[in-house]
Amino acid sequence: MAESQARATSLKWNVIDDVSALAASTQRRSVELDNATIDDFQRDGVCYVPGAFTEWIEPLRAGLDRVMNSPDEYAFTSDSAEPGEPGRFFDTYCNWQRVPEYLTFALTSSAAAIAAQCMQSASAQFFHEHSFAKESGTQKATPWHHDLPYYCIDGTQTASVYIALDDTPEETAVRFLAGSHRDGNTYVPRRFRTGSDYDYDDPSMVSAPASEDEAEGEIISRALVAGDAIVFDFRTLHGTTPAPVADRRRAFSTRWLGDDVRFVKRLGVTSPPLDLDLAPGDRMPESLFPTLWRS
């Protein structure tokens, strides 16, 4: 996730006041996953869908490059490489209403159908997008973390659909701790820039493993071809090693909420930093987070 200072922005992330009508006027592509893929997701908290988004590589690259070239014009942008460190580690989120390619993807792609099947949910509600780029020469590890405590939601039916926008060798690909979505822990969020935990006075959270060597269990990772998708639960621990990135590595993720997901108040700043008149246990409002798949 992005650094906390990147979350303080004067830009309004939701430039469309009510997206429910737009969502109702569009149609999304449907695909049917095989049972083995869904079983992988349910058991390990992560699964792979090779070649799922080949036709979206160029549009999503164009959208991400536009954001990277003019970061001040977009919400929640962050560079996580320290001054003097090689390369660039850029990420940004909640610009799906500002970037036409992102909006078109959310409203018309098969991501909603894929997420719903993996979550074993009758619906898939769109939360937001998150895009990343590590430039050639970058040696910055993505710290071990899981995504749930960064968000103002809770539930067991969640899915990130992560799309590789460049070919990625296994040594620099995202790595996942199999089954960690079922370990019952909520891990303290970590800063991407320093790898340190946020200072949350929350006894319900524990610190994630500091490195892969401390993570007990099977590590799942594989080389990716541009257009391949990884689907993973918000509760699945993941990160990368500091292995040097030989060639540019870009990725685009969409975050999805299933039937049992509800609003929750957390002690720290969440992404997006919402100012909503919601009580814990409320459904996320369709005007901001449209349901894009119903079985």
Foldseek 3Di string as FASTA:
>chain_A
DADPVLLDAPDDLPPQQFCQVVLVVFAADADDDDPVQLVQCVFFQKGKDALQAPVLLVLVVVQVVVCVVPVNVHGRKHWQEDPPADWTKIKGKSNLVVGVSSVCCVRYYNPFNVLCSSLVFQFKWFDIKMKIKTAFFFLQKQWKAFQVQQAQKDDLRKKKKKFWSAWFAFQFWKKWFTRQLVPLAHAADAHSNPRHGDPFPDVRHHHDDGDPVRRPHDMDTGTGHGNMIMMGTSRIIMMHGSPGDRHMIMMMMIMIDHDQMWGHDDPDQHVNRDDDPDDTPHHDDCRRINTNGGD
